[in-house]
Amino acid sequence: MYRQIAQNEIADAVEGISINGYAMIRNYLQPETLENLTALVEKNFHDQAGKEKIGVPARDASDKIVYNLQSIDKLFTDILTTEPVETIAKEFLNDQFYRFLDQDKPNYILTYYNARSSGEALDLHIDSGVPFIGNHPIMMQFVFLLEDSNAFNGCTVVVPKSHQSGTYTDRSLNMDELTKLEGKKGDLIIWDSRTWHGTIANKSGASRWALVATISRWWLKQSMNIPKTISNDLYQELSDAQKLLLGFCSIPPSDPFERVNTKNGYDFLKPNVDDYDL
């Protein structure tokens, strides 16, 4: 599924994210996995062609997007539960006071997961909602490149160290002069969601598919009702750790006489999706 990643590569990625706000791991995905993921994305994009999506921002109008990847095929979740991804995500996003699980287990969740091929330029922004200074981010993006990404086809640009600026973005900056996260298909790019980032316009006329997984601390509200997107057949294939990642251990309670805590362990997991109050 993924190339054997050396410990020093993981350590370098953690250091890069801590200092600069972003990092890249080259050649992360194996060719067969890359091929399968790309085929799934392209098939689902074409299957959805012509179906109107409500509420799509005007800036995204020329982008190609496939939403809710976690509901399409287990492979999309599998690549988020590989050891290197889990090691990095635990370093930054695990809640050390999550008493329902041992600290060596992930307790963060997936908040948003789509495939995207950029069109128009995307202004500098942050995905954390608010800027703040500190060593504990609340959200990160894990981006798996399915195709080469460069200045010609609209790669991501970032402002190094901006995750510790404590301020919103300065959109007067010249996007063409910012740090370009150019990569090859199969690369994995990770950034702290406080990092100022955007994309430059895709001038190639061709696609630039990437998988964008937003992972956050367990208590953040998910951007999609992810548990509700999972079929019972798919649910049965998931591991306990994957069910937690998708939000099944942090579903808000509705009946205080049944439960008042949002945070739960694996023992909270139900046999079937229909057993949850979604």
C-alpha atoms as a PDB file:
ATOM      1  CA  MET A   1       0.000   0.000   0.000  1.00  0.00           C
ATOM      2  CA  TYR A   2       2.756   2.443   0.940  1.00  0.00           C
ATOM      3  CA  ARG A   3       6.521   2.508   0.684  1.00  0.00           C
ATOM      4  CA  GLN A   4       8.463   1.468   3.752  1.00  0.00           C
ATOM      5  CA  ILE A   5       9.029   4.802   5.456  1.00  0.00           C
ATOM      6  CA  ALA A   6      12.215   5.146   7.507  1.00  0.00           C
ATOM      7  CA  GLN A   7      11.950   6.492  11.037  1.00  0.00           C
ATOM      8  CA  ASN A   8      14.162   9.445  10.157  1.00  0.00           C
ATOM      9  CA  GLU A   9      11.696  10.419   7.397  1.00  0.00           C
ATOM     10  CA  ILE A  10       8.873  10.487   9.921  1.00  0.00           C
ATOM     11  CA  ALA A  11      11.032  12.450  12.370  1.00  0.00           C
ATOM     12  CA  ASP A  12      11.920  14.937   9.604  1.00  0.00           C
ATOM     13  CA  ALA A  13       8.232  15.348   8.757  1.00  0.00           C
ATOM     14  CA  VAL A  14       7.325  16.023  12.401  1.00  0.00           C
ATOM     15  CA  GLU A  15      10.134  18.576  12.649  1.00  0.00           C
ATOM     16  CA  GLY A  16       9.113  20.257   9.397  1.00  0.00           C
ATOM     17  CA  ILE A  17       5.505  20.574  10.493  1.00  0.00           C
ATOM     18  CA  SER A  18       6.553  21.912  13.893  1.00  0.00           C
ATOM     19  CA  ILE A  19       8.968  24.514  12.521  1.00  0.00           C
ATOM     20  CA  ASN A  20       7.614  25.443   9.092  1.00  0.00           C
ATOM     21  CA  GLY A  21       4.003  24.312   9.307  1.00  0.00           C
ATOM     22  CA  TYR A  22       4.261  21.703   6.549  1.00  0.00           C
ATOM     23  CA  ALA A  23       6.218  18.670   5.331  1.00  0.00           C
ATOM     24  CA  MET A  24       6.348  16.231   2.431  1.00  0.00           C
ATOM     25  CA  ILE A  25       7.058  12.503   2.249  1.00  0.00           C
ATOM     26  CA  ARG A  26       8.115  11.496  -1.235  1.00  0.00           C
ATOM     27  CA  ASN A  27       6.821   8.369  -3.019  1.00  0.00           C
ATOM     28  CA  TYR A  28       4.469   7.481  -0.188  1.00  0.00           C
ATOM     29  CA  LEU A  29       1.876   5.453  -2.094  1.00  0.00           C
ATOM     30  CA  GLN A  30       2.787   2.265  -3.935  1.00  0.00           C
ATOM     31  CA  PRO A  31       1.987   2.246  -7.701  1.00  0.00           C
ATOM     32  CA  GLU A  32      -0.835  -0.317  -7.424  1.00  0.00           C
ATOM     33  CA  THR A  33      -2.552   1.603  -4.619  1.00  0.00           C
ATOM     34  CA  LEU A  34      -2.105   4.836  -6.541  1.00  0.00           C
ATOM     35  CA  GLU A  35      -3.665   3.292  -9.630  1.00  0.00           C
ATOM     36  CA  ASN A  36      -6.639   1.902  -7.690  1.00  0.00           C
ATOM     37  CA  LEU A  37      -7.310   5.188  -5.895  1.00  0.00           C
ATOM     38  CA  THR A  38      -7.130   7.163  -9.123  1.00  0.00           C
ATOM     39  CA  ALA A  39      -9.541   4.782 -10.866  1.00  0.00           C
ATOM     40  CA  LEU A  40     -12.029   5.068  -7.979  1.00  0.00           C
ATOM     41  CA  VAL A  41     -11.873   8.870  -8.024  1.00  0.00           C
ATOM     42  CA  GLU A  42     -12.289   9.176 -11.772  1.00  0.00           C
ATOM     43  CA  LYS A  43     -15.166   6.684 -11.861  1.00  0.00           C
ATOM     44  CA  ASN A  44     -17.049   8.454  -9.091  1.00  0.00           C
ATOM     45  CA  PHE A  45     -16.440  11.877 -10.610  1.00  0.00           C
ATOM     46  CA  HIS A  46     -17.871  10.756 -13.935  1.00  0.00           C
ATOM     47  CA  ASP A  47     -20.780   8.963 -12.234  1.00  0.00           C
ATOM     48  CA  GLN A  48     -21.677  12.211 -10.449  1.00  0.00           C
ATOM     49  CA  ALA A  49     -21.393  14.378 -13.554  1.00  0.00           C
ATOM     50  CA  GLY A  50     -24.462  16.558 -14.007  1.00  0.00           C
ATOM     51  CA  LYS A  51     -25.674  16.156 -10.420  1.00  0.00           C
ATOM     52  CA  GLU A  52     -25.992  19.546  -8.754  1.00  0.00           C
ATOM     53  CA  LYS A  53     -24.315  19.967  -5.366  1.00  0.00           C
ATOM     54  CA  ILE A  54     -25.954  22.576  -3.159  1.00  0.00           C
ATOM     55  CA  GLY A  55     -23.846  25.253  -1.475  1.00  0.00           C
ATOM     56  CA  VAL A  56     -20.629  24.887  -3.487  1.00  0.00           C
ATOM     57  CA  PRO A  57     -18.663  28.166  -3.096  1.00  0.00           C
ATOM     58  CA  ALA A  58     -18.219  30.225  -6.258  1.00  0.00           C
ATOM     59  CA  ARG A  59     -14.431  29.872  -5.966  1.00  0.00           C
ATOM     60  CA  ASP A  60     -14.817  26.085  -6.335  1.00  0.00           C
ATOM     61  CA  ALA A  61     -17.045  26.246  -9.404  1.00  0.00           C
ATOM     62  CA  SER A  62     -14.302  25.212 -11.838  1.00  0.00           C
ATOM     63  CA  ASP A  63     -12.758  22.594  -9.553  1.00  0.00           C
ATOM     64  CA  LYS A  64     -13.408  18.904  -9.944  1.00  0.00           C
ATOM     65  CA  ILE A  65     -14.406  17.480  -6.541  1.00  0.00           C
ATOM     66  CA  VAL A  66     -15.520  14.108  -5.234  1.00  0.00           C
ATOM     67  CA  TYR A  67     -16.871  14.346  -1.677  1.00  0.00           C
ATOM     68  CA  ASN A  68     -17.056  11.825   1.162  1.00  0.00           C
ATOM     69  CA  LEU A  69     -14.308   9.490  -0.005  1.00  0.00           C
ATOM     70  CA  GLN A  70     -14.650   7.446   3.190  1.00  0.00           C
ATOM     71  CA  SER A  71     -18.060   6.265   1.983  1.00  0.00           C
ATOM     72  CA  ILE A  72     -16.880   5.107  -1.437  1.00  0.00           C
ATOM     73  CA  ASP A  73     -14.331   2.402  -0.702  1.00  0.00           C
ATOM     74  CA  LYS A  74     -12.462   1.140   2.360  1.00  0.00           C
ATOM     75  CA  LEU A  75      -9.150   1.811   0.599  1.00  0.00           C
ATOM     76  CA  PHE A  76      -9.605   5.549   1.219  1.00  0.00           C
ATOM     77  CA  THR A  77      -9.774   4.927   4.957  1.00  0.00           C
ATOM     78  CA  ASP A  78      -6.978   2.354   4.836  1.00  0.00           C
ATOM     79  CA  ILE A  79      -4.429   4.911   3.656  1.00  0.00           C
ATOM     80  CA  LEU A  80      -5.292   7.102   6.660  1.00  0.00           C
ATOM     81  CA  THR A  81      -4.595   4.282   9.105  1.00  0.00           C
ATOM     82  CA  THR A  82      -1.097   3.419   7.926  1.00  0.00           C
ATOM     83  CA  GLU A  83       1.616   3.566  10.573  1.00  0.00           C
ATOM     84  CA  PRO A  84       3.428   6.721   9.324  1.00  0.00           C
ATOM     85  CA  VAL A  85       0.189   8.722   9.064  1.00  0.00           C
ATOM     86  CA  GLU A  86      -0.916   7.554  12.502  1.00  0.00           C
ATOM     87  CA  THR A  87       2.478   8.343  14.040  1.00  0.00           C
ATOM     88  CA  ILE A  88       2.446  11.899  12.714  1.00  0.00           C
ATOM     89  CA  ALA A  89      -1.226  12.530  13.473  1.00  0.00           C
ATOM     90  CA  LYS A  90      -0.867  11.188  17.032  1.00  0.00           C
ATOM     91  CA  GLU A  91       2.118  13.470  17.613  1.00  0.00           C
ATOM     92  CA  PHE A  92       0.050  16.568  16.901  1.00  0.00           C
ATOM     93  CA  LEU A  93      -3.631  15.687  17.361  1.00  0.00           C
ATOM     94  CA  ASN A  94      -3.997  13.040  20.049  1.00  0.00           C
ATOM     95  CA  ASP A  95      -5.763  14.130  23.238  1.00  0.00           C
ATOM     96  CA  GLN A  96      -3.491  13.082  26.116  1.00  0.00           C
ATOM     97  CA  PHE A  97      -6.493  13.077  28.459  1.00  0.00           C
ATOM     98  CA  TYR A  98      -8.558  10.659  26.365  1.00  0.00           C
ATOM     99  CA  ARG A  99      -8.961   8.148  29.208  1.00  0.00           C
ATOM    100  CA  PHE A 100     -11.119   5.688  27.273  1.00  0.00           C
ATOM    101  CA  LEU A 101      -8.165   4.423  25.209  1.00  0.00           C
ATOM    102  CA  ASP A 102      -4.487   3.786  25.793  1.00  0.00           C
ATOM    103  CA  GLN A 103      -2.335   6.720  24.680  1.00  0.00           C
ATOM    104  CA  ASP A 104      -0.594   4.627  22.029  1.00  0.00           C
ATOM    105  CA  LYS A 105      -3.896   4.452  20.115  1.00  0.00           C
ATOM    106  CA  PRO A 106      -5.152   7.282  17.879  1.00  0.00           C
ATOM    107  CA  ASN A 107      -8.084   9.299  19.233  1.00  0.00           C
ATOM    108  CA  TYR A 108      -8.368  12.013  16.567  1.00  0.00           C
ATOM    109  CA  ILE A 109     -11.129  11.990  13.932  1.00  0.00           C
ATOM    110  CA  LEU A 110     -11.685  12.628  10.244  1.00  0.00           C
ATOM    111  CA  THR A 111     -13.636  15.830   9.646  1.00  0.00           C
ATOM    112  CA  TYR A 112     -13.632  16.130   5.851  1.00  0.00           C
ATOM    113  CA  TYR A 113     -12.367  13.953   2.997  1.00  0.00           C
ATOM    114  CA  ASN A 114     -12.534  14.694  -0.699  1.00  0.00           C
ATOM    115  CA  ALA A 115     -10.681  14.363  -3.964  1.00  0.00           C
ATOM    116  CA  ARG A 116      -9.935  17.618  -5.709  1.00  0.00           C
ATOM    117  CA  SER A 117      -8.516  18.813  -9.003  1.00  0.00           C
ATOM    118  CA  SER A 118      -7.977  22.553  -8.838  1.00  0.00           C
ATOM    119  CA  GLY A 119      -9.112  25.071 -11.452  1.00  0.00           C
ATOM    120  CA  GLU A 120      -9.020  28.733 -10.487  1.00  0.00           C
ATOM    121  CA  ALA A 121      -6.575  30.110  -7.943  1.00  0.00           C
ATOM    122  CA  LEU A 122      -7.599  29.733  -4.309  1.00  0.00           C
ATOM    123  CA  ASP A 123      -6.824  32.682  -2.030  1.00  0.00           C
ATOM    124  CA  LEU A 124      -4.574  32.277   0.984  1.00  0.00           C
ATOM    125  CA  HIS A 125      -6.559  30.948   3.922  1.00  0.00           C
ATOM    126  CA  ILE A 126      -6.363  28.841   7.063  1.00  0.00           C
ATOM    127  CA  ASP A 127      -8.557  25.824   7.764  1.00  0.00           C
ATOM    128  CA  SER A 128      -8.306  25.955  11.552  1.00  0.00           C
ATOM    129  CA  GLY A 129     -11.125  28.514  11.786  1.00  0.00           C
ATOM    130  CA  VAL A 130      -9.156  30.866  14.017  1.00  0.00           C
ATOM    131  CA  PRO A 131      -5.406  31.601  14.184  1.00  0.00           C
ATOM    132  CA  PHE A 132      -3.552  30.965  17.414  1.00  0.00           C
ATOM    133  CA  ILE A 133       0.004  30.480  18.629  1.00  0.00           C
ATOM    134  CA  GLY A 134       1.037  27.277  20.361  1.00  0.00           C
ATOM    135  CA  ASN A 135       2.444  23.793  19.959  1.00  0.00           C
ATOM    136  CA  HIS A 136      -0.890  21.995  19.830  1.00  0.00           C
ATOM    137  CA  PRO A 137      -2.702  22.281  16.481  1.00  0.00           C
ATOM    138  CA  ILE A 138      -6.346  21.272  16.396  1.00  0.00           C
ATOM    139  CA  MET A 139      -6.495  20.237  12.753  1.00  0.00           C
ATOM    140  CA  MET A 140      -4.207  19.097   9.919  1.00  0.00           C
ATOM    141  CA  GLN A 141      -4.443  18.277   6.221  1.00  0.00           C
ATOM    142  CA  PHE A 142      -3.007  15.060   4.779  1.00  0.00           C
ATOM    143  CA  VAL A 143      -2.847  15.382   0.986  1.00  0.00           C
ATOM    144  CA  PHE A 144      -2.068  12.376  -1.219  1.00  0.00           C
ATOM    145  CA  LEU A 145      -1.093  13.396  -4.753  1.00  0.00           C
ATOM    146  CA  LEU A 146      -2.678  11.178  -7.420  1.00  0.00           C
ATOM    147  CA  GLU A 147      -1.067  13.217 -10.201  1.00  0.00           C
ATOM    148  CA  ASP A 148       2.007  15.428 -10.432  1.00  0.00           C
ATOM    149  CA  SER A 149       1.477  18.853  -8.886  1.00  0.00           C
ATOM    150  CA  ASN A 150       3.433  21.879 -10.061  1.00  0.00           C
ATOM    151  CA  ALA A 151       3.267  25.594 -10.760  1.00  0.00           C
ATOM    152  CA  PHE A 152       1.723  25.013 -14.193  1.00  0.00           C
ATOM    153  CA  ASN A 153      -1.207  22.856 -13.062  1.00  0.00           C
ATOM    154  CA  GLY A 154      -2.103  24.716  -9.876  1.00  0.00           C
ATOM    155  CA  CYS A 155      -0.087  23.385  -6.960  1.00  0.00           C
ATOM    156  CA  THR A 156      -0.571  24.418  -3.338  1.00  0.00           C
ATOM    157  CA  VAL A 157       1.448  27.372  -2.052  1.00  0.00           C
ATOM    158  CA  VAL A 158       2.251  28.084   1.591  1.00  0.00           C
ATOM    159  CA  VAL A 159       3.815  30.748   3.788  1.00  0.00           C
ATOM    160  CA  PRO A 160       6.404  28.952   5.953  1.00  0.00           C
ATOM    161  CA  LYS A 161       6.105  29.457   9.728  1.00  0.00           C
ATOM    162  CA  SER A 162       2.752  31.229   9.326  1.00  0.00           C
ATOM    163  CA  HIS A 163       1.107  28.606  11.574  1.00  0.00           C
ATOM    164  CA  GLN A 164       2.722  30.447  14.491  1.00  0.00           C
ATOM    165  CA  SER A 165       1.773  33.941  13.309  1.00  0.00           C
ATOM    166  CA  GLY A 166      -1.405  34.114  15.367  1.00  0.00           C
ATOM    167  CA  THR A 167      -3.034  36.119  12.574  1.00  0.00           C
ATOM    168  CA  TYR A 168      -5.331  35.616   9.623  1.00  0.00           C
ATOM    169  CA  THR A 169      -3.825  35.567   6.127  1.00  0.00           C
ATOM    170  CA  ASP A 170      -2.463  38.560   4.243  1.00  0.00           C
ATOM    171  CA  ARG A 171      -4.082  38.239   0.830  1.00  0.00           C
ATOM    172  CA  SER A 172      -2.039  41.087  -0.607  1.00  0.00           C
ATOM    173  CA  LEU A 173       0.930  38.697  -0.929  1.00  0.00           C
ATOM    174  CA  ASN A 174       1.886  37.683  -4.459  1.00  0.00           C
ATOM    175  CA  MET A 175       0.870  34.029  -4.773  1.00  0.00           C
ATOM    176  CA  ASP A 176       3.475  33.385  -7.475  1.00  0.00           C
ATOM    177  CA  GLU A 177       6.245  34.359  -5.050  1.00  0.00           C
ATOM    178  CA  LEU A 178       5.185  32.024  -2.241  1.00  0.00           C
ATOM    179  CA  THR A 179       6.624  28.585  -1.457  1.00  0.00           C
ATOM    180  CA  LYS A 180       5.243  26.090  -3.968  1.00  0.00           C
ATOM    181  CA  LEU A 181       4.559  22.549  -2.769  1.00  0.00           C
ATOM    182  CA  GLU A 182       5.429  20.832  -6.025  1.00  0.00           C
ATOM    183  CA  GLY A 183       5.332  17.045  -5.915  1.00  0.00           C
ATOM    184  CA  LYS A 184       5.014  13.849  -7.904  1.00  0.00           C
ATOM    185  CA  LYS A 185       2.093  11.450  -7.919  1.00  0.00           C
ATOM    186  CA  GLY A 186       2.283   9.246  -4.853  1.00  0.00           C
ATOM    187  CA  ASP A 187       3.770  11.957  -2.622  1.00  0.00           C
ATOM    188  CA  LEU A 188       2.160  12.824   0.699  1.00  0.00           C
ATOM    189  CA  ILE A 189       1.994  16.472   1.786  1.00  0.00           C
ATOM    190  CA  ILE A 190       0.985  17.408   5.329  1.00  0.00           C
ATOM    191  CA  TRP A 191       0.352  20.791   6.872  1.00  0.00           C
ATOM    192  CA  ASP A 192      -0.853  22.318  10.116  1.00  0.00           C
ATOM    193  CA  SER A 193      -4.259  23.862   9.338  1.00  0.00           C
ATOM    194  CA  ARG A 194      -3.116  27.195  10.783  1.00  0.00           C
ATOM    195  CA  THR A 195      -0.559  27.453   7.970  1.00  0.00           C
ATOM    196  CA  TRP A 196      -1.417  30.095   5.379  1.00  0.00           C
ATOM    197  CA  HIS A 197      -2.013  28.207   2.139  1.00  0.00           C
ATOM    198  CA  GLY A 198      -3.804  28.474  -1.179  1.00  0.00           C
ATOM    199  CA  THR A 199      -3.451  27.300  -4.764  1.00  0.00           C
ATOM    200  CA  ILE A 200      -2.330  28.994  -7.922  1.00  0.00           C
ATOM    201  CA  ALA A 201      -4.436  28.706 -11.066  1.00  0.00           C
ATOM    202  CA  ASN A 202      -4.315  25.501 -13.079  1.00  0.00           C
ATOM    203  CA  LYS A 203      -3.159  26.639 -16.496  1.00  0.00           C
ATOM    204  CA  SER A 204      -2.608  23.155 -17.920  1.00  0.00           C
ATOM    205  CA  GLY A 205      -6.167  22.398 -19.002  1.00  0.00           C
ATOM    206  CA  ALA A 206      -5.691  18.935 -17.465  1.00  0.00           C
ATOM    207  CA  SER A 207      -6.614  17.424 -14.128  1.00  0.00           C
ATOM    208  CA  ARG A 208      -4.488  17.566 -10.969  1.00  0.00           C
ATOM    209  CA  TRP A 209      -6.178  15.071  -8.685  1.00  0.00           C
ATOM    210  CA  ALA A 210      -5.260  14.874  -5.013  1.00  0.00           C
ATOM    211  CA  LEU A 211      -6.937  13.324  -1.988  1.00  0.00           C
ATOM    212  CA  VAL A 212      -7.405  15.856   0.814  1.00  0.00           C
ATOM    213  CA  ALA A 213      -8.088  14.413   4.269  1.00  0.00           C
ATOM    214  CA  THR A 214      -8.732  16.869   7.088  1.00  0.00           C
ATOM    215  CA  ILE A 215      -8.007  15.242  10.446  1.00  0.00           C
ATOM    216  CA  SER A 216      -8.743  16.970  13.724  1.00  0.00           C
ATOM    217  CA  ARG A 217      -8.953  16.517  17.466  1.00  0.00           C
ATOM    218  CA  TRP A 218     -11.891  14.366  18.446  1.00  0.00           C
ATOM    219  CA  TRP A 219     -14.029  17.214  19.802  1.00  0.00           C
ATOM    220  CA  LEU A 220     -14.203  19.311  16.627  1.00  0.00           C
ATOM    221  CA  LYS A 221     -17.435  19.257  14.687  1.00  0.00           C
ATOM    222  CA  GLN A 222     -17.132  17.239  11.480  1.00  0.00           C
ATOM    223  CA  SER A 223     -17.768  19.155   8.250  1.00  0.00           C
ATOM    224  CA  MET A 224     -19.852  16.251   6.970  1.00  0.00           C
ATOM    225  CA  ASN A 225     -21.977  13.797   8.945  1.00  0.00           C
ATOM    226  CA  ILE A 226     -19.375  11.137   8.237  1.00  0.00           C
ATOM    227  CA  PRO A 227     -20.876   8.273  10.301  1.00  0.00           C
ATOM    228  CA  LYS A 228     -24.125   8.649   8.374  1.00  0.00           C
ATOM    229  CA  THR A 229     -22.285   8.236   5.050  1.00  0.00           C
ATOM    230  CA  ILE A 230     -21.095   4.736   5.938  1.00  0.00           C
ATOM    231  CA  SER A 231     -23.135   1.783   4.695  1.00  0.00           C
ATOM    232  CA  ASN A 232     -23.586  -1.191   7.000  1.00  0.00           C
ATOM    233  CA  ASP A 233     -21.589  -3.401   4.609  1.00  0.00           C
ATOM    234  CA  LEU A 234     -18.657  -0.988   4.715  1.00  0.00           C
ATOM    235  CA  TYR A 235     -19.017  -0.591   8.487  1.00  0.00           C
ATOM    236  CA  GLN A 236     -18.554  -4.328   8.947  1.00  0.00           C
ATOM    237  CA  GLU A 237     -15.205  -4.156   7.116  1.00  0.00           C
ATOM    238  CA  LEU A 238     -13.764  -1.389   9.296  1.00  0.00           C
ATOM    239  CA  SER A 239     -11.466  -1.958  12.257  1.00  0.00           C
ATOM    240  CA  ASP A 240     -12.307  -0.414  15.625  1.00  0.00           C
ATOM    241  CA  ALA A 241      -9.587   2.189  15.067  1.00  0.00           C
ATOM    242  CA  GLN A 242     -11.083   3.105  11.692  1.00  0.00           C
ATOM    243  CA  LYS A 243     -14.570   3.424  13.189  1.00  0.00           C
ATOM    244  CA  LEU A 244     -13.172   5.804  15.798  1.00  0.00           C
ATOM    245  CA  LEU A 245     -11.401   7.783  13.057  1.00  0.00           C
ATOM    246  CA  LEU A 246     -14.696   8.194  11.198  1.00  0.00           C
ATOM    247  CA  GLY A 247     -16.376   9.555  14.321  1.00  0.00           C
ATOM    248  CA  PHE A 248     -18.322   6.580  15.670  1.00  0.00           C
ATOM    249  CA  CYS A 249     -16.828   6.985  19.163  1.00  0.00           C
ATOM    250  CA  SER A 250     -17.639  10.703  19.422  1.00  0.00           C
ATOM    251  CA  ILE A 251     -21.265  10.935  18.364  1.00  0.00           C
ATOM    252  CA  PRO A 252     -22.975  13.580  20.556  1.00  0.00           C
ATOM    253  CA  PRO A 253     -25.596  12.143  22.909  1.00  0.00           C
ATOM    254  CA  SER A 254     -29.265  13.044  22.528  1.00  0.00           C
ATOM    255  CA  ASP A 255     -30.655  11.391  25.680  1.00  0.00           C
ATOM    256  CA  PRO A 256     -28.972  12.455  28.960  1.00  0.00           C
ATOM    257  CA  PHE A 257     -30.455   9.414  30.716  1.00  0.00           C
ATOM    258  CA  GLU A 258     -28.638   7.162  28.271  1.00  0.00           C
ATOM    259  CA  ARG A 259     -25.340   9.059  28.031  1.00  0.00           C
ATOM    260  CA  VAL A 260     -23.936  12.535  28.707  1.00  0.00           C
ATOM    261  CA  ASN A 261     -20.384  12.118  27.421  1.00  0.00           C
ATOM    262  CA  THR A 262     -19.363  12.618  23.791  1.00  0.00           C
ATOM    263  CA  LYS A 263     -15.962  10.961  24.150  1.00  0.00           C
ATOM    264  CA  ASN A 264     -16.064   7.135  24.153  1.00  0.00           C
ATOM    265  CA  GLY A 265     -13.844   4.078  23.731  1.00  0.00           C
ATOM    266  CA  TYR A 266     -14.113   1.020  21.514  1.00  0.00           C
ATOM    267  CA  ASP A 267     -16.606  -0.558  23.909  1.00  0.00           C
ATOM    268  CA  PHE A 268     -19.121   2.071  22.744  1.00  0.00           C
ATOM    269  CA  LEU A 269     -19.066   0.745  19.168  1.00  0.00           C
ATOM    270  CA  LYS A 270     -22.268  -0.897  17.949  1.00  0.00           C
ATOM    271  CA  PRO A 271     -22.645  -4.084  15.872  1.00  0.00           C
ATOM    272  CA  ASN A 272     -24.462  -2.255  13.056  1.00  0.00           C
ATOM    273  CA  VAL A 273     -24.723   1.280  11.726  1.00  0.00           C
ATOM    274  CA  ASP A 274     -28.498   1.252  12.264  1.00  0.00           C
ATOM    275  CA  ASP A 275     -27.900   0.861  16.010  1.00  0.00           C
ATOM    276  CA  TYR A 276     -26.617   4.458  16.232  1.00  0.00           C
ATOM    277  CA  ASP A 277     -28.722   7.562  16.725  1.00  0.00           C
ATOM    278  CA  LEU A 278     -27.510   9.472  13.670  1.00  0.00           C
END
